[in-house]
Amino acid sequence: MTTTATAATAVTAVAPLTTADAEVLITSARRAAEAAGVSVSVTVLDAGGHLLAFRRDDRSVLISGETSTRKAYTALQLNAPTADLVDLVKPDGPFHSLPTALDRPLLFIAGGIPVHRDGRLIGAIGVGGGAPEQDHGFAATALADLSR
């Protein structure tokens, strides 16, 4: 960690999400899904929204690759787990039209979680292929394993 100080501020650099971190996230999420008998796709994005790692199980439904990526992107852009955002896009919700208003659509289904290090947003993980609650649980397990 590096600290840069000026007369007005001090900025502490935070290590970015690495490919090694991404592999831990993918391996852990897939292990949790496999233990539950679910085939999934897992996407890890860096802080800029760029693909850092992706894996789709052979037996997972094809759309799970797209949903895992959109869940990760949504969690990253809004810096919140997608499970916490579902009600915001209901017809009377404040984000009702947001999922289709952008060039890169967001997906408000549980399974995407932002990744933080030292309080800073460094990326996101998205899991698709199971029920939304399952996908969220697999992503949360992966984050817990990364923190160890």
N, C-alpha and C. Protein backbone atom coordinates (compact mmCIF):
# COMPACT_ATOMS: atom_id res chain seq x y z
N MET A 1 0.83 -1.16 0.00
CA MET A 1 0.00 0.00 0.00
C MET A 1 0.88 1.24 0.00
N THR A 2 0.51 2.23 -0.79
CA THR A 2 1.29 3.45 -0.91
C THR A 2 0.44 4.63 -0.46
N THR A 3 1.04 5.54 0.28
CA THR A 3 0.33 6.74 0.70
C THR A 3 1.02 7.94 0.08
N THR A 4 0.23 8.79 -0.56
CA THR A 4 0.73 10.02 -1.14
C THR A 4 0.12 11.17 -0.36
N ALA A 5 0.94 12.06 0.16
CA ALA A 5 0.43 13.17 0.96
C ALA A 5 0.71 14.49 0.27
N THR A 6 -0.27 15.35 0.31
CA THR A 6 -0.10 16.72 -0.15
C THR A 6 -0.50 17.61 1.01
N ALA A 7 -0.38 18.90 0.83
CA ALA A 7 -0.74 19.83 1.90
C ALA A 7 -2.21 19.69 2.28
N ALA A 8 -3.07 19.35 1.32
CA ALA A 8 -4.50 19.31 1.59
C ALA A 8 -5.05 17.92 1.87
N THR A 9 -4.48 16.89 1.25
CA THR A 9 -5.08 15.56 1.37
C THR A 9 -4.02 14.48 1.44
N ALA A 10 -4.47 13.33 1.92
CA ALA A 10 -3.65 12.12 1.88
C ALA A 10 -4.46 11.06 1.16
N VAL A 11 -3.86 10.41 0.18
CA VAL A 11 -4.55 9.39 -0.60
C VAL A 11 -3.83 8.07 -0.40
N THR A 12 -4.59 7.05 -0.04
CA THR A 12 -4.02 5.72 0.14
C THR A 12 -4.41 4.87 -1.05
N ALA A 13 -3.43 4.32 -1.73
CA ALA A 13 -3.70 3.44 -2.87
C ALA A 13 -4.21 2.10 -2.36
N VAL A 14 -5.19 1.57 -3.05
CA VAL A 14 -5.76 0.27 -2.71
C VAL A 14 -5.39 -0.70 -3.83
N ALA A 15 -4.93 -1.87 -3.45
CA ALA A 15 -4.56 -2.88 -4.45
C ALA A 15 -5.79 -3.25 -5.28
N PRO A 16 -5.65 -3.30 -6.59
CA PRO A 16 -6.78 -3.65 -7.44
C PRO A 16 -7.11 -5.14 -7.33
N LEU A 17 -8.26 -5.50 -7.86
CA LEU A 17 -8.64 -6.90 -7.97
C LEU A 17 -7.72 -7.54 -9.01
N THR A 18 -7.08 -8.63 -8.64
CA THR A 18 -6.12 -9.28 -9.53
C THR A 18 -6.73 -10.53 -10.18
N THR A 19 -6.03 -11.06 -11.16
CA THR A 19 -6.50 -12.31 -11.76
C THR A 19 -6.46 -13.45 -10.74
N ALA A 20 -5.50 -13.41 -9.82
CA ALA A 20 -5.46 -14.42 -8.76
C ALA A 20 -6.69 -14.29 -7.86
N ASP A 21 -7.08 -13.06 -7.52
CA ASP A 21 -8.30 -12.84 -6.74
C ASP A 21 -9.51 -13.37 -7.50
N ALA A 22 -9.55 -13.08 -8.79
CA ALA A 22 -10.67 -13.51 -9.63
C ALA A 22 -10.78 -15.03 -9.66
N GLU A 23 -9.65 -15.71 -9.72
CA GLU A 23 -9.67 -17.18 -9.72
C GLU A 23 -10.19 -17.72 -8.39
N VAL A 24 -9.84 -17.07 -7.28
CA VAL A 24 -10.37 -17.47 -5.98
C VAL A 24 -11.89 -17.32 -5.99
N LEU A 25 -12.38 -16.20 -6.49
CA LEU A 25 -13.82 -15.95 -6.53
C LEU A 25 -14.54 -16.99 -7.40
N ILE A 26 -14.01 -17.25 -8.57
CA ILE A 26 -14.65 -18.21 -9.48
C ILE A 26 -14.62 -19.62 -8.90
N THR A 27 -13.48 -20.03 -8.40
CA THR A 27 -13.36 -21.38 -7.83
C THR A 27 -14.30 -21.57 -6.66
N SER A 28 -14.36 -20.59 -5.78
CA SER A 28 -15.21 -20.68 -4.60
C SER A 28 -16.69 -20.71 -4.97
N ALA A 29 -17.11 -19.82 -5.87
CA ALA A 29 -18.52 -19.78 -6.27
C ALA A 29 -18.92 -21.09 -6.95
N ARG A 30 -18.07 -21.61 -7.81
CA ARG A 30 -18.37 -22.87 -8.50
C ARG A 30 -18.41 -24.04 -7.52
N ARG A 31 -17.52 -24.04 -6.54
CA ARG A 31 -17.51 -25.10 -5.53
C ARG A 31 -18.82 -25.08 -4.73
N ALA A 32 -19.26 -23.88 -4.34
CA ALA A 32 -20.51 -23.76 -3.59
C ALA A 32 -21.70 -24.21 -4.44
N ALA A 33 -21.70 -23.84 -5.71
CA ALA A 33 -22.79 -24.24 -6.60
C ALA A 33 -22.80 -25.75 -6.81
N GLU A 34 -21.62 -26.31 -7.02
CA GLU A 34 -21.51 -27.75 -7.22
C GLU A 34 -22.02 -28.51 -6.00
N ALA A 35 -21.69 -28.02 -4.81
CA ALA A 35 -22.16 -28.67 -3.57
C ALA A 35 -23.68 -28.64 -3.47
N ALA A 36 -24.29 -27.63 -4.09
CA ALA A 36 -25.75 -27.51 -4.08
C ALA A 36 -26.39 -28.20 -5.28
N GLY A 37 -25.56 -28.78 -6.16
CA GLY A 37 -26.08 -29.46 -7.33
C GLY A 37 -26.54 -28.52 -8.44
N VAL A 38 -25.94 -27.33 -8.49
CA VAL A 38 -26.35 -26.32 -9.47
C VAL A 38 -25.19 -26.02 -10.42
N SER A 39 -25.47 -25.96 -11.71
CA SER A 39 -24.46 -25.59 -12.72
C SER A 39 -24.59 -24.09 -12.98
N VAL A 40 -23.47 -23.37 -12.90
CA VAL A 40 -23.52 -21.91 -13.00
C VAL A 40 -22.46 -21.36 -13.95
N SER A 41 -22.63 -20.08 -14.24
CA SER A 41 -21.59 -19.27 -14.87
C SER A 41 -21.20 -18.22 -13.84
N VAL A 42 -19.92 -17.86 -13.83
CA VAL A 42 -19.42 -16.86 -12.89
C VAL A 42 -18.60 -15.84 -13.67
N THR A 43 -18.88 -14.57 -13.43
CA THR A 43 -18.17 -13.47 -14.07
C THR A 43 -17.53 -12.60 -12.99
N VAL A 44 -16.29 -12.19 -13.21
CA VAL A 44 -15.61 -11.24 -12.32
C VAL A 44 -15.16 -10.06 -13.18
N LEU A 45 -15.56 -8.85 -12.76
CA LEU A 45 -15.18 -7.62 -13.45
C LEU A 45 -14.25 -6.81 -12.57
N ASP A 46 -13.35 -6.05 -13.20
CA ASP A 46 -12.49 -5.15 -12.43
C ASP A 46 -13.26 -3.85 -12.17
N ALA A 47 -12.62 -2.89 -11.51
CA ALA A 47 -13.29 -1.65 -11.12
C ALA A 47 -13.76 -0.82 -12.32
N GLY A 48 -13.17 -1.04 -13.47
CA GLY A 48 -13.58 -0.32 -14.68
C GLY A 48 -14.68 -1.01 -15.45
N GLY A 49 -15.15 -2.16 -14.95
CA GLY A 49 -16.19 -2.91 -15.63
C GLY A 49 -15.68 -3.82 -16.72
N HIS A 50 -14.37 -4.03 -16.75
CA HIS A 50 -13.77 -4.91 -17.75
C HIS A 50 -13.70 -6.35 -17.23
N LEU A 51 -13.88 -7.29 -18.13
CA LEU A 51 -13.85 -8.71 -17.77
C LEU A 51 -12.47 -9.10 -17.25
N LEU A 52 -12.45 -9.64 -16.04
CA LEU A 52 -11.21 -10.12 -15.45
C LEU A 52 -11.16 -11.65 -15.52
N ALA A 53 -12.33 -12.29 -15.33
CA ALA A 53 -12.39 -13.75 -15.41
C ALA A 53 -13.84 -14.17 -15.65
N PHE A 54 -13.99 -15.30 -16.34
CA PHE A 54 -15.31 -15.85 -16.62
C PHE A 54 -15.20 -17.36 -16.73
N ARG A 55 -16.19 -18.05 -16.21
CA ARG A 55 -16.24 -19.50 -16.35
C ARG A 55 -17.69 -19.94 -16.42
N ARG A 56 -18.01 -20.79 -17.40
CA ARG A 56 -19.35 -21.37 -17.51
C ARG A 56 -19.22 -22.87 -17.41
N ASP A 57 -19.97 -23.46 -16.48
CA ASP A 57 -19.98 -24.91 -16.36
C ASP A 57 -20.55 -25.52 -17.64
N ASP A 58 -20.06 -26.70 -17.98
CA ASP A 58 -20.49 -27.37 -19.20
C ASP A 58 -22.00 -27.58 -19.26
N ARG A 59 -22.61 -27.85 -18.12
CA ARG A 59 -24.04 -28.17 -18.10
C ARG A 59 -24.93 -26.96 -17.80
N SER A 60 -24.36 -25.80 -17.59
CA SER A 60 -25.19 -24.63 -17.26
C SER A 60 -25.93 -24.15 -18.51
N VAL A 61 -27.08 -23.55 -18.28
CA VAL A 61 -27.85 -23.03 -19.40
C VAL A 61 -27.06 -21.88 -20.04
N LEU A 62 -27.15 -21.76 -21.34
CA LEU A 62 -26.34 -20.79 -22.06
C LEU A 62 -26.57 -19.35 -21.60
N ILE A 63 -27.80 -19.01 -21.27
CA ILE A 63 -28.09 -17.64 -20.87
C ILE A 63 -27.41 -17.27 -19.55
N SER A 64 -26.98 -18.26 -18.78
CA SER A 64 -26.34 -17.96 -17.50
C SER A 64 -25.05 -17.16 -17.67
N GLY A 65 -24.39 -17.32 -18.80
CA GLY A 65 -23.19 -16.52 -19.06
C GLY A 65 -23.51 -15.05 -19.17
N GLU A 66 -24.58 -14.74 -19.88
CA GLU A 66 -25.00 -13.34 -20.03
C GLU A 66 -25.54 -12.79 -18.71
N THR A 67 -26.34 -13.59 -18.01
CA THR A 67 -26.91 -13.07 -16.76
C THR A 67 -25.83 -12.85 -15.70
N SER A 68 -24.85 -13.73 -15.63
CA SER A 68 -23.79 -13.53 -14.63
C SER A 68 -23.01 -12.26 -14.92
N THR A 69 -22.79 -11.97 -16.18
CA THR A 69 -22.05 -10.76 -16.55
C THR A 69 -22.86 -9.51 -16.27
N ARG A 70 -24.13 -9.52 -16.60
CA ARG A 70 -24.98 -8.35 -16.34
C ARG A 70 -25.18 -8.13 -14.84
N LYS A 71 -25.29 -9.20 -14.08
CA LYS A 71 -25.41 -9.05 -12.62
C LYS A 71 -24.16 -8.40 -12.04
N ALA A 72 -23.00 -8.85 -12.48
CA ALA A 72 -21.75 -8.26 -12.00
C ALA A 72 -21.67 -6.79 -12.39
N TYR A 73 -22.03 -6.47 -13.62
CA TYR A 73 -21.97 -5.09 -14.11
C TYR A 73 -22.93 -4.19 -13.33
N THR A 74 -24.13 -4.69 -13.05
CA THR A 74 -25.11 -3.92 -12.30
C THR A 74 -24.62 -3.66 -10.88
N ALA A 75 -24.09 -4.69 -10.23
CA ALA A 75 -23.56 -4.53 -8.87
C ALA A 75 -22.42 -3.52 -8.85
N LEU A 76 -21.58 -3.55 -9.87
CA LEU A 76 -20.45 -2.63 -9.95
C LEU A 76 -20.93 -1.20 -10.16
N GLN A 77 -21.80 -0.99 -11.13
CA GLN A 77 -22.25 0.36 -11.46
C GLN A 77 -23.02 1.03 -10.33
N LEU A 78 -23.80 0.25 -9.58
CA LEU A 78 -24.60 0.82 -8.50
C LEU A 78 -23.98 0.58 -7.13
N ASN A 79 -22.82 -0.11 -7.10
CA ASN A 79 -22.09 -0.38 -5.86
C ASN A 79 -23.01 -0.96 -4.79
N ALA A 80 -23.78 -1.95 -5.21
CA ALA A 80 -24.71 -2.60 -4.29
C ALA A 80 -25.01 -4.01 -4.80
N PRO A 81 -25.29 -4.93 -3.88
CA PRO A 81 -25.70 -6.26 -4.32
C PRO A 81 -27.01 -6.17 -5.12
N THR A 82 -27.10 -6.90 -6.20
CA THR A 82 -28.31 -6.85 -7.00
C THR A 82 -29.52 -7.36 -6.21
N ALA A 83 -29.31 -8.21 -5.23
CA ALA A 83 -30.41 -8.69 -4.39
C ALA A 83 -31.08 -7.53 -3.65
N ASP A 84 -30.32 -6.47 -3.36
CA ASP A 84 -30.86 -5.31 -2.65
C ASP A 84 -31.55 -4.32 -3.58
N LEU A 85 -31.47 -4.54 -4.87
CA LEU A 85 -31.97 -3.56 -5.85
C LEU A 85 -33.25 -3.99 -6.55
N VAL A 86 -33.69 -5.21 -6.33
CA VAL A 86 -34.81 -5.78 -7.08
C VAL A 86 -36.07 -4.90 -7.00
N ASP A 87 -36.41 -4.42 -5.82
CA ASP A 87 -37.63 -3.63 -5.66
C ASP A 87 -37.57 -2.28 -6.38
N LEU A 88 -36.37 -1.80 -6.67
CA LEU A 88 -36.23 -0.48 -7.30
C LEU A 88 -36.71 -0.44 -8.74
N VAL A 89 -36.83 -1.61 -9.38
CA VAL A 89 -37.26 -1.62 -10.78
C VAL A 89 -38.69 -2.11 -10.96
N LYS A 90 -39.41 -2.27 -9.87
CA LYS A 90 -40.83 -2.60 -9.99
C LYS A 90 -41.54 -1.41 -10.63
N PRO A 91 -42.74 -1.60 -11.18
CA PRO A 91 -43.43 -0.51 -11.89
C PRO A 91 -43.51 0.81 -11.12
N ASP A 92 -43.60 0.76 -9.80
CA ASP A 92 -43.67 2.01 -9.03
C ASP A 92 -42.31 2.39 -8.42
N GLY A 93 -41.26 1.68 -8.79
CA GLY A 93 -39.94 1.94 -8.23
C GLY A 93 -39.21 3.07 -8.93
N PRO A 94 -38.24 3.69 -8.24
CA PRO A 94 -37.52 4.83 -8.81
C PRO A 94 -36.63 4.49 -10.00
N PHE A 95 -36.25 3.23 -10.16
CA PHE A 95 -35.40 2.83 -11.28
C PHE A 95 -36.17 2.04 -12.33
N HIS A 96 -37.49 2.22 -12.39
CA HIS A 96 -38.35 1.42 -13.26
C HIS A 96 -37.83 1.32 -14.69
N SER A 97 -37.38 2.41 -15.28
CA SER A 97 -36.94 2.38 -16.68
C SER A 97 -35.42 2.24 -16.83
N LEU A 98 -34.69 2.21 -15.74
CA LEU A 98 -33.23 2.17 -15.81
C LEU A 98 -32.66 0.92 -16.50
N PRO A 99 -33.23 -0.28 -16.30
CA PRO A 99 -32.62 -1.46 -16.92
C PRO A 99 -32.44 -1.37 -18.43
N THR A 100 -33.29 -0.62 -19.12
CA THR A 100 -33.19 -0.54 -20.58
C THR A 100 -32.77 0.85 -21.06
N ALA A 101 -32.47 1.76 -20.16
CA ALA A 101 -32.15 3.14 -20.54
C ALA A 101 -30.69 3.32 -20.94
N LEU A 102 -29.86 2.35 -20.69
CA LEU A 102 -28.43 2.49 -20.93
C LEU A 102 -27.98 1.67 -22.13
N ASP A 103 -26.81 2.00 -22.67
CA ASP A 103 -26.26 1.22 -23.77
C ASP A 103 -25.97 -0.22 -23.35
N ARG A 104 -25.52 -0.38 -22.12
CA ARG A 104 -25.23 -1.72 -21.58
C ARG A 104 -26.26 -1.99 -20.49
N PRO A 105 -27.27 -2.79 -20.80
CA PRO A 105 -28.38 -2.99 -19.86
C PRO A 105 -27.96 -3.57 -18.51
N LEU A 106 -28.66 -3.12 -17.50
CA LEU A 106 -28.47 -3.62 -16.14
C LEU A 106 -29.43 -4.77 -15.91
N LEU A 107 -29.14 -5.60 -14.91
CA LEU A 107 -30.01 -6.73 -14.60
C LEU A 107 -30.24 -6.77 -13.10
N PHE A 108 -31.48 -6.52 -12.71
CA PHE A 108 -31.83 -6.43 -11.30
C PHE A 108 -32.38 -7.76 -10.79
N ILE A 109 -31.53 -8.76 -10.80
CA ILE A 109 -31.85 -10.09 -10.28
C ILE A 109 -30.70 -10.47 -9.35
N ALA A 110 -31.02 -11.05 -8.21
CA ALA A 110 -29.99 -11.41 -7.22
C ALA A 110 -28.92 -12.30 -7.84
N GLY A 111 -27.67 -12.05 -7.43
CA GLY A 111 -26.54 -12.84 -7.91
C GLY A 111 -25.32 -12.00 -8.22
N GLY A 112 -25.44 -10.68 -8.16
CA GLY A 112 -24.31 -9.79 -8.37
C GLY A 112 -23.95 -9.07 -7.09
N ILE A 113 -22.66 -9.02 -6.76
CA ILE A 113 -22.20 -8.36 -5.53
C ILE A 113 -20.92 -7.58 -5.84
N PRO A 114 -20.85 -6.31 -5.39
CA PRO A 114 -19.61 -5.56 -5.57
C PRO A 114 -18.51 -6.13 -4.67
N VAL A 115 -17.27 -5.95 -5.09
CA VAL A 115 -16.11 -6.40 -4.31
C VAL A 115 -15.39 -5.15 -3.81
N HIS A 116 -15.16 -5.10 -2.50
CA HIS A 116 -14.48 -3.97 -1.88
C HIS A 116 -13.18 -4.43 -1.22
N ARG A 117 -12.22 -3.53 -1.19
CA ARG A 117 -10.98 -3.77 -0.45
C ARG A 117 -10.65 -2.47 0.27
N ASP A 118 -10.46 -2.57 1.58
CA ASP A 118 -10.17 -1.39 2.39
C ASP A 118 -11.20 -0.29 2.16
N GLY A 119 -12.47 -0.69 2.02
CA GLY A 119 -13.55 0.26 1.85
C GLY A 119 -13.71 0.83 0.46
N ARG A 120 -12.90 0.40 -0.48
CA ARG A 120 -12.96 0.92 -1.85
C ARG A 120 -13.50 -0.14 -2.80
N LEU A 121 -14.30 0.29 -3.76
CA LEU A 121 -14.85 -0.59 -4.78
C LEU A 121 -13.75 -0.98 -5.76
N ILE A 122 -13.50 -2.30 -5.89
CA ILE A 122 -12.42 -2.76 -6.78
C ILE A 122 -12.92 -3.71 -7.87
N GLY A 123 -14.20 -4.02 -7.88
CA GLY A 123 -14.73 -4.92 -8.89
C GLY A 123 -16.07 -5.48 -8.48
N ALA A 124 -16.48 -6.55 -9.15
CA ALA A 124 -17.76 -7.20 -8.83
C ALA A 124 -17.74 -8.63 -9.32
N ILE A 125 -18.57 -9.44 -8.68
CA ILE A 125 -18.78 -10.83 -9.09
C ILE A 125 -20.25 -11.00 -9.44
N GLY A 126 -20.52 -11.79 -10.46
CA GLY A 126 -21.88 -12.14 -10.81
C GLY A 126 -21.98 -13.64 -11.03
N VAL A 127 -23.05 -14.23 -10.52
CA VAL A 127 -23.29 -15.67 -10.68
C VAL A 127 -24.67 -15.84 -11.31
N GLY A 128 -24.76 -16.71 -12.30
CA GLY A 128 -26.03 -17.00 -12.95
C GLY A 128 -26.16 -18.49 -13.20
N GLY A 129 -27.38 -18.97 -13.17
CA GLY A 129 -27.62 -20.38 -13.46
C GLY A 129 -28.53 -21.06 -12.46
N GLY A 130 -28.52 -20.59 -11.23
CA GLY A 130 -29.40 -21.13 -10.21
C GLY A 130 -30.58 -20.20 -9.99
N ALA A 131 -31.36 -20.47 -8.95
CA ALA A 131 -32.39 -19.52 -8.55
C ALA A 131 -31.67 -18.26 -8.06
N PRO A 132 -32.29 -17.09 -8.17
CA PRO A 132 -31.61 -15.86 -7.75
C PRO A 132 -31.02 -15.92 -6.35
N GLU A 133 -31.76 -16.49 -5.40
CA GLU A 133 -31.25 -16.57 -4.03
C GLU A 133 -30.02 -17.47 -3.95
N GLN A 134 -30.03 -18.54 -4.74
CA GLN A 134 -28.86 -19.42 -4.78
C GLN A 134 -27.66 -18.69 -5.36
N ASP A 135 -27.86 -18.01 -6.47
CA ASP A 135 -26.77 -17.27 -7.11
C ASP A 135 -26.16 -16.26 -6.15
N HIS A 136 -27.01 -15.55 -5.42
CA HIS A 136 -26.52 -14.58 -4.43
C HIS A 136 -25.69 -15.28 -3.36
N GLY A 137 -26.18 -16.41 -2.89
CA GLY A 137 -25.44 -17.17 -1.88
C GLY A 137 -24.09 -17.65 -2.37
N PHE A 138 -24.03 -18.11 -3.61
CA PHE A 138 -22.75 -18.57 -4.17
C PHE A 138 -21.76 -17.41 -4.28
N ALA A 139 -22.25 -16.24 -4.71
CA ALA A 139 -21.38 -15.06 -4.82
C ALA A 139 -20.91 -14.61 -3.44
N ALA A 140 -21.81 -14.63 -2.46
CA ALA A 140 -21.45 -14.22 -1.10
C ALA A 140 -20.41 -15.17 -0.49
N THR A 141 -20.56 -16.45 -0.75
CA THR A 141 -19.57 -17.44 -0.28
C THR A 141 -18.21 -17.14 -0.88
N ALA A 142 -18.19 -16.83 -2.16
CA ALA A 142 -16.92 -16.52 -2.84
C ALA A 142 -16.26 -15.29 -2.23
N LEU A 143 -17.04 -14.25 -1.94
CA LEU A 143 -16.48 -13.05 -1.32
C LEU A 143 -15.92 -13.35 0.06
N ALA A 144 -16.62 -14.17 0.82
CA ALA A 144 -16.13 -14.55 2.15
C ALA A 144 -14.80 -15.30 2.04
N ASP A 145 -14.70 -16.18 1.05
CA ASP A 145 -13.45 -16.92 0.86
C ASP A 145 -12.31 -16.00 0.43
N LEU A 146 -12.62 -14.98 -0.37
CA LEU A 146 -11.58 -14.04 -0.80
C LEU A 146 -11.05 -13.23 0.38
N SER A 147 -11.92 -12.96 1.34
CA SER A 147 -11.53 -12.15 2.51
C SER A 147 -10.65 -12.91 3.50
N ARG A 148 -10.60 -14.24 3.38
CA ARG A 148 -9.82 -15.04 4.33
C ARG A 148 -8.35 -14.96 4.05
